[in-house]
Amino acid sequence: MDRYLLAIPFRGLARVVAASFALAAACAPGAAGEPLRLEAKIPLGQVNGRIDHMAFDTARKRLFVAELGNDSVGVVDVEARQVVHRITGLHHPQGVGYLPALDLLFVANATDGSVRLFGGPQYADAGRLDLGADADNVRIDAAANRVLVGYGSGAIATIDPASRRNVLDLPLAAHPESFQLDAGSHRVYANLPDTKAIAVIDPATHKATNWPMQAGGNFPMTLRPAAQHVVVVFRRPAKLGVFAMADGASVASPDTCGDSDDVFDDAKRDRVYVSCGDGSIDVFDGKDYRRLARISTVAGARTSLFVPEADRLFVAVRASWSEPAAIWVFAPGS
């Protein structure tokens, strides 16, 4: 034992030890006062390979996880913190979207280009659409009663959920990665990393105008309607790109974590969350886009989903030698 500690009376020693523990707790990941606190790890079971995007059923509090490398979609009860169902027999599922009005889950598959439909609560097979190639991100537009799916070498399919048909293709110059719908203007913003551009689709003409980008690898995107900003994350170099929704003018470009695949707006707290495959989450202040914190996760955990209704950030952690496949649940701090 340290000679300094031997010289301290018992009560003094107790105070020193208590203070040491308090300091350690304050410095630990997820400590009180941090913008994100790790609340739980929900095991996914025997799931191997890459995990892609997620969707949420607010009424049942269920998270849908595209287990791309496992050819399955896991259904996670976030309150019970366990997998309650698994949809198998898929072909590299990438995007998922849940439509509450019809209780339908849409799953986009990369390998065969199909969109599979499943009806809850048993997730029975409810149909299939074949788009042609590389069906990817899924977006639910409940207000317009449509489902949008990016696919192929440059298109977004517009699916009528009632007839379960692709009623309109929105043409693009390259394959779309993350794309978002602006409820105010009804415009669609889409990342085109192959051409280093952001496409803006006019709702009247269905034609796209491209904003050229200086950086590359613009995969994730979110919209911040209150600020009228489009936020994307570049991989080459690793930058947060903030642009005016009206004309694409650059607003900010701070450095961020590497190999990102998702970014989200926490409108309640005026923050932006970026999840990265380098094993971290960056938290930015939405007022000036300065980084508030970097939270450690696991290498390869680059996909996530922020659900405002649940007030939680879900991060998909793939299986590795050090960690089993799981959903890490983060609670935002004040």
Protein backbone atom coordinates (compact mmCIF):
# COMPACT_ATOMS: atom_id res chain seq x y z
CA MET A 1 0.00 0.00 0.00
CA ASP A 2 1.14 3.57 -0.72
CA ARG A 3 2.91 5.20 2.25
CA TYR A 4 0.76 8.31 1.78
CA LEU A 5 -2.40 6.28 2.35
CA LEU A 6 -0.89 4.66 5.47
CA ALA A 7 -0.42 8.10 6.96
CA ILE A 8 -4.10 9.06 6.57
CA PRO A 9 -6.52 8.35 9.45
CA PHE A 10 -9.31 5.88 8.64
CA ARG A 11 -12.00 8.54 8.12
CA GLY A 12 -9.69 10.55 5.87
CA LEU A 13 -8.81 7.42 3.92
CA ALA A 14 -12.49 6.69 3.38
CA ARG A 15 -13.03 10.17 2.01
CA VAL A 16 -10.04 9.80 -0.36
CA VAL A 17 -11.30 6.42 -1.65
CA ALA A 18 -14.85 7.77 -2.11
CA ALA A 19 -13.53 10.77 -4.02
CA SER A 20 -11.43 8.48 -6.24
CA PHE A 21 -14.46 6.39 -7.13
CA ALA A 22 -16.51 9.51 -7.86
CA LEU A 23 -13.78 10.82 -10.17
CA ALA A 24 -13.54 7.48 -11.97
CA ALA A 25 -17.31 7.40 -12.47
CA ALA A 26 -17.34 10.92 -13.84
CA CYS A 27 -14.65 10.04 -16.38
CA ALA A 28 -16.18 6.71 -17.42
CA PRO A 29 -18.00 6.33 -20.76
CA GLY A 30 -21.70 7.11 -20.39
CA ALA A 31 -21.24 9.06 -17.17
CA ALA A 32 -23.88 11.51 -16.04
CA GLY A 33 -23.57 14.77 -17.91
CA GLU A 34 -22.49 13.21 -21.20
CA PRO A 35 -24.78 13.80 -24.20
CA LEU A 36 -25.20 10.03 -24.65
CA ARG A 37 -25.27 7.34 -21.96
CA LEU A 38 -25.03 3.62 -22.75
CA GLU A 39 -28.19 2.19 -21.22
CA ALA A 40 -28.30 -1.41 -22.44
CA LYS A 41 -26.86 -4.01 -24.78
CA ILE A 42 -29.53 -6.20 -26.40
CA PRO A 43 -28.02 -9.46 -27.73
CA LEU A 44 -29.02 -10.47 -31.26
CA GLY A 45 -27.97 -14.11 -30.91
CA GLN A 46 -26.15 -16.02 -33.63
CA VAL A 47 -25.95 -13.20 -36.16
CA ASN A 48 -22.82 -13.02 -38.29
CA GLY A 49 -21.48 -10.44 -40.69
CA ARG A 50 -22.48 -6.92 -41.48
CA ILE A 51 -25.59 -5.27 -40.02
CA ASP A 52 -27.28 -2.56 -42.07
CA HIS A 53 -30.18 -0.17 -41.46
CA MET A 54 -33.07 -0.24 -38.97
CA ALA A 55 -36.70 0.85 -38.57
CA PHE A 56 -39.07 1.16 -35.61
CA ASP A 57 -42.66 0.20 -34.77
CA THR A 58 -43.65 2.84 -32.21
CA ALA A 59 -46.88 1.15 -31.07
CA ARG A 60 -45.26 -2.21 -30.30
CA LYS A 61 -41.87 -0.70 -29.39
CA ARG A 62 -40.13 -3.06 -31.77
CA LEU A 63 -36.90 -2.43 -33.65
CA PHE A 64 -36.35 -4.03 -37.07
CA VAL A 65 -32.69 -4.79 -37.81
CA ALA A 66 -31.44 -5.57 -41.33
CA GLU A 67 -28.94 -8.37 -40.62
CA LEU A 68 -27.38 -8.18 -44.07
CA GLY A 69 -24.61 -10.75 -43.58
CA ASN A 70 -27.09 -13.14 -41.99
CA ASP A 71 -29.76 -12.83 -44.75
CA SER A 72 -32.33 -12.01 -42.07
CA VAL A 73 -34.20 -9.24 -40.27
CA GLY A 74 -34.26 -9.36 -36.49
CA VAL A 75 -37.31 -8.08 -34.60
CA VAL A 76 -36.27 -6.70 -31.22
CA ASP A 77 -38.64 -5.89 -28.37
CA VAL A 78 -36.80 -2.90 -26.89
CA GLU A 79 -38.74 -2.96 -23.61
CA ALA A 80 -38.15 -6.68 -23.01
CA ARG A 81 -34.63 -6.24 -24.45
CA GLN A 82 -34.73 -9.40 -26.50
CA VAL A 83 -35.22 -10.69 -30.05
CA VAL A 84 -38.82 -11.86 -30.39
CA HIS A 85 -38.82 -12.88 -34.06
CA ARG A 86 -36.48 -13.34 -36.99
CA ILE A 87 -37.42 -13.14 -40.68
CA THR A 88 -35.13 -15.45 -42.66
CA GLY A 89 -34.60 -16.43 -46.29
CA LEU A 90 -33.75 -12.90 -47.44
CA HIS A 91 -30.98 -11.84 -49.84
CA HIS A 92 -28.66 -9.31 -48.22
CA PRO A 93 -31.32 -7.03 -46.72
CA GLN A 94 -30.09 -3.43 -46.62
CA GLY A 95 -33.05 -1.13 -45.94
CA VAL A 96 -36.19 -1.58 -43.85
CA GLY A 97 -39.25 0.61 -43.38
CA TYR A 98 -42.41 0.13 -41.33
CA LEU A 99 -45.82 1.53 -42.38
CA PRO A 100 -48.11 1.67 -39.31
CA ALA A 101 -51.33 2.39 -41.25
CA LEU A 102 -51.19 -1.02 -42.97
CA ASP A 103 -49.01 -2.77 -40.37
CA LEU A 104 -46.52 -3.62 -43.11
CA LEU A 105 -42.76 -4.05 -43.01
CA PHE A 106 -40.85 -3.32 -46.24
CA VAL A 107 -37.44 -5.00 -46.68
CA ALA A 108 -35.11 -4.03 -49.56
CA ASN A 109 -32.68 -6.75 -50.68
CA ALA A 110 -29.37 -5.99 -52.38
CA THR A 111 -28.63 -9.31 -54.09
CA ASP A 112 -31.87 -9.89 -56.01
CA GLY A 113 -33.17 -6.30 -56.04
CA SER A 114 -36.45 -7.27 -54.43
CA VAL A 115 -38.62 -5.49 -51.88
CA ARG A 116 -40.29 -8.03 -49.61
CA LEU A 117 -43.42 -7.19 -47.58
CA PHE A 118 -44.35 -8.70 -44.22
CA GLY A 119 -47.56 -8.17 -42.26
CA GLY A 120 -47.54 -7.84 -38.49
CA PRO A 121 -47.78 -8.91 -35.79
CA GLN A 122 -46.71 -12.36 -37.04
CA TYR A 123 -44.71 -10.92 -39.97
CA ALA A 124 -46.33 -13.21 -42.50
CA ASP A 125 -45.24 -12.94 -46.15
CA ALA A 126 -47.40 -10.19 -47.69
CA GLY A 127 -45.95 -9.75 -51.15
CA ARG A 128 -42.92 -8.93 -53.24
CA LEU A 129 -41.80 -6.33 -55.79
CA ASP A 130 -38.79 -6.83 -58.07
CA LEU A 131 -37.01 -3.57 -58.76
CA GLY A 132 -34.10 -5.03 -60.72
CA ALA A 133 -30.87 -4.51 -58.77
CA ASP A 134 -29.39 -3.38 -55.47
CA ALA A 135 -32.55 -2.34 -53.59
CA ASP A 136 -31.23 -0.23 -50.74
CA ASN A 137 -32.58 2.53 -48.49
CA VAL A 138 -36.30 2.62 -47.65
CA ARG A 139 -38.28 5.72 -46.64
CA ILE A 140 -41.90 5.82 -45.50
CA ASP A 141 -43.89 8.88 -46.57
CA ALA A 142 -47.05 8.38 -44.51
CA ALA A 143 -48.47 11.81 -45.40
CA ALA A 144 -48.40 11.06 -49.14
CA ASN A 145 -49.19 7.36 -48.62
CA ARG A 146 -46.12 6.11 -50.46
CA VAL A 147 -42.95 4.11 -49.83
CA LEU A 148 -39.70 5.16 -51.51
CA VAL A 149 -36.85 2.74 -52.22
CA GLY A 150 -33.47 3.61 -53.75
CA TYR A 151 -32.12 1.07 -56.19
CA GLY A 152 -30.11 0.26 -59.29
CA SER A 153 -27.69 2.54 -61.11
CA GLY A 154 -29.83 5.60 -60.41
CA ALA A 155 -33.47 5.58 -59.35
CA ILE A 156 -35.89 5.88 -56.44
CA ALA A 157 -38.97 3.71 -56.77
CA THR A 158 -42.31 5.10 -55.59
CA ILE A 159 -44.40 2.25 -54.22
CA ASP A 160 -48.15 2.48 -53.68
CA PRO A 161 -48.60 0.41 -50.49
CA ALA A 162 -52.28 -0.33 -51.21
CA SER A 163 -51.75 -1.88 -54.66
CA ARG A 164 -48.15 -2.87 -53.78
CA ARG A 165 -46.88 -1.66 -57.14
CA ASN A 166 -44.05 0.61 -58.22
CA VAL A 167 -46.05 3.48 -59.72
CA LEU A 168 -43.23 5.92 -60.51
CA ASP A 169 -39.44 5.92 -60.84
CA LEU A 170 -37.57 9.08 -59.89
CA PRO A 171 -34.45 9.04 -62.13
CA LEU A 172 -31.02 9.95 -60.76
CA ALA A 173 -27.50 10.23 -62.17
CA ALA A 174 -26.15 7.40 -59.96
CA HIS A 175 -27.12 4.91 -57.28
CA PRO A 176 -28.69 6.71 -54.30
CA GLU A 177 -27.41 6.06 -50.82
CA SER A 178 -29.22 7.81 -47.96
CA PHE A 179 -32.06 10.05 -49.13
CA GLN A 180 -34.55 12.13 -47.17
CA LEU A 181 -37.97 13.74 -47.71
CA ASP A 182 -38.67 17.33 -46.72
CA ALA A 183 -42.25 17.56 -45.42
CA GLY A 184 -42.40 21.30 -46.04
CA SER A 185 -41.30 21.53 -49.67
CA HIS A 186 -41.98 17.87 -50.60
CA ARG A 187 -38.53 17.76 -52.19
CA VAL A 188 -36.40 14.62 -52.00
CA TYR A 189 -32.69 15.02 -51.21
CA ALA A 190 -30.45 12.09 -52.18
CA ASN A 191 -26.76 11.32 -51.71
CA LEU A 192 -24.98 10.22 -54.92
CA PRO A 193 -21.48 9.26 -53.74
CA ASP A 194 -20.49 7.77 -57.12
CA THR A 195 -20.76 11.23 -58.70
CA LYS A 196 -19.86 13.24 -55.55
CA ALA A 197 -23.18 15.06 -55.55
CA ILE A 198 -26.44 15.65 -53.69
CA ALA A 199 -29.52 15.34 -55.91
CA VAL A 200 -32.58 17.49 -55.18
CA ILE A 201 -35.77 16.12 -56.77
CA ASP A 202 -38.52 18.61 -57.60
CA PRO A 203 -41.95 17.26 -56.51
CA ALA A 204 -43.73 18.79 -59.53
CA THR A 205 -41.46 17.70 -62.36
CA HIS A 206 -39.86 14.65 -60.66
CA LYS A 207 -36.53 15.84 -62.09
CA ALA A 208 -33.31 16.19 -60.12
CA THR A 209 -30.90 19.08 -59.79
CA ASN A 210 -27.41 18.05 -58.64
CA TRP A 211 -25.29 19.94 -56.12
CA PRO A 212 -21.60 19.04 -56.74
CA MET A 213 -19.55 18.17 -53.66
CA GLN A 214 -15.83 18.67 -53.07
CA ALA A 215 -15.46 15.72 -50.68
CA GLY A 216 -16.33 12.07 -51.43
CA GLY A 217 -18.12 9.17 -49.83
CA ASN A 218 -21.29 11.06 -48.90
CA PHE A 219 -23.36 8.13 -47.64
CA PRO A 220 -25.37 9.31 -44.55
CA MET A 221 -27.86 12.19 -44.63
CA THR A 222 -30.40 13.86 -42.38
CA LEU A 223 -32.56 16.97 -42.70
CA ARG A 224 -32.87 19.66 -40.02
CA PRO A 225 -36.13 21.42 -40.92
CA ALA A 226 -35.96 23.94 -38.06
CA ALA A 227 -32.56 25.17 -39.26
CA GLN A 228 -33.34 24.56 -42.96
CA HIS A 229 -30.16 22.52 -43.28
CA VAL A 230 -29.22 19.36 -45.16
CA VAL A 231 -26.58 17.44 -43.19
CA VAL A 232 -24.43 14.77 -44.84
CA VAL A 233 -21.31 12.94 -43.68
CA PHE A 234 -18.36 12.40 -46.00
CA ARG A 235 -15.90 9.55 -45.67
CA ARG A 236 -13.13 11.01 -47.86
CA PRO A 237 -12.13 13.02 -45.88
CA ALA A 238 -14.20 12.41 -42.75
CA LYS A 239 -16.27 15.60 -42.57
CA LEU A 240 -19.72 16.71 -41.51
CA GLY A 241 -21.17 18.69 -44.41
CA VAL A 242 -23.93 21.20 -43.63
CA PHE A 243 -25.77 22.87 -46.52
CA ALA A 244 -28.67 25.29 -46.91
CA MET A 245 -31.79 23.41 -48.01
CA ALA A 246 -32.77 26.16 -50.44
CA ASP A 247 -29.68 26.30 -52.63
CA GLY A 248 -26.95 23.99 -51.29
CA ALA A 249 -24.76 26.80 -49.94
CA SER A 250 -22.12 25.50 -47.52
CA VAL A 251 -22.84 26.32 -43.86
CA ALA A 252 -20.24 24.29 -41.94
CA SER A 253 -17.76 21.43 -42.46
CA PRO A 254 -16.21 20.26 -39.18
CA ASP A 255 -14.12 17.09 -38.92
CA THR A 256 -15.91 13.96 -37.72
CA CYS A 257 -15.32 10.26 -37.07
CA GLY A 258 -14.43 7.88 -39.88
CA ASP A 259 -16.45 5.40 -41.98
CA SER A 260 -19.86 6.81 -41.06
CA ASP A 261 -23.10 5.29 -42.31
CA ASP A 262 -25.79 7.15 -40.34
CA VAL A 263 -26.49 10.66 -39.06
CA PHE A 264 -29.54 11.95 -37.16
CA ASP A 265 -31.08 15.19 -35.95
CA ASP A 266 -32.15 15.34 -32.30
CA ALA A 267 -34.48 18.32 -32.68
CA LYS A 268 -35.47 18.28 -29.00
CA ARG A 269 -31.90 18.99 -27.86
CA ASP A 270 -30.64 20.71 -31.01
CA ARG A 271 -27.94 18.09 -31.56
CA VAL A 272 -26.65 15.89 -34.38
CA TYR A 273 -25.51 12.28 -33.87
CA VAL A 274 -23.04 10.57 -36.25
CA SER A 275 -22.29 6.82 -35.95
CA CYS A 276 -19.01 5.60 -37.43
CA GLY A 277 -17.34 2.34 -38.33
CA ASP A 278 -14.11 3.47 -36.69
CA GLY A 279 -15.80 2.65 -33.38
CA SER A 280 -17.27 5.93 -32.24
CA ILE A 281 -20.27 8.25 -32.17
CA ASP A 282 -19.78 11.98 -32.60
CA VAL A 283 -22.23 14.43 -31.03
CA PHE A 284 -22.47 17.94 -32.51
CA ASP A 285 -24.13 21.10 -31.26
CA GLY A 286 -26.85 22.00 -33.74
CA LYS A 287 -26.35 25.73 -33.28
CA ASP A 288 -22.74 26.05 -34.47
CA TYR A 289 -21.84 22.42 -35.36
CA ARG A 290 -18.98 22.19 -32.90
CA ARG A 291 -18.34 18.69 -31.60
CA LEU A 292 -19.59 18.18 -28.05
CA ALA A 293 -18.37 14.63 -27.45
CA ARG A 294 -16.95 11.46 -28.97
CA ILE A 295 -18.45 8.27 -27.52
CA SER A 296 -16.61 4.95 -27.92
CA THR A 297 -18.43 1.97 -29.44
CA VAL A 298 -16.91 -0.95 -31.41
CA ALA A 299 -15.11 -1.06 -34.76
CA GLY A 300 -17.62 -1.74 -37.55
CA ALA A 301 -20.63 -0.31 -35.64
CA ARG A 302 -21.47 2.28 -38.25
CA THR A 303 -25.27 1.95 -38.62
CA SER A 304 -27.71 3.39 -36.11
CA LEU A 305 -31.24 4.73 -35.68
CA PHE A 306 -32.41 7.64 -33.55
CA VAL A 307 -36.08 7.31 -32.61
CA PRO A 308 -37.50 10.56 -31.20
CA GLU A 309 -40.66 8.81 -29.94
CA ALA A 310 -38.53 6.45 -27.84
CA ASP A 311 -35.90 9.12 -27.18
CA ARG A 312 -33.15 6.59 -27.81
CA LEU A 313 -30.26 6.06 -30.21
CA PHE A 314 -29.90 2.41 -31.28
CA VAL A 315 -26.47 1.36 -32.59
CA ALA A 316 -25.95 -1.94 -34.43
CA VAL A 317 -22.82 -3.77 -33.27
CA ARG A 318 -21.73 -6.67 -35.46
CA ALA A 319 -20.20 -9.80 -33.97
CA SER A 320 -16.44 -9.68 -33.41
CA TRP A 321 -13.80 -11.48 -31.36
CA SER A 322 -14.47 -9.05 -28.49
CA GLU A 323 -18.23 -8.44 -28.75
CA PRO A 324 -21.28 -10.54 -29.71
CA ALA A 325 -23.77 -9.10 -32.18
CA ALA A 326 -26.01 -6.69 -30.29
CA ILE A 327 -28.00 -3.49 -30.32
CA TRP A 328 -26.48 -0.90 -28.03
CA VAL A 329 -29.08 1.47 -26.61
CA PHE A 330 -27.99 5.02 -25.82
CA ALA A 331 -30.08 7.46 -23.79
CA PRO A 332 -29.51 11.15 -24.60
CA GLY A 333 -28.47 13.35 -21.71
CA SER A 334 -29.84 16.78 -20.94
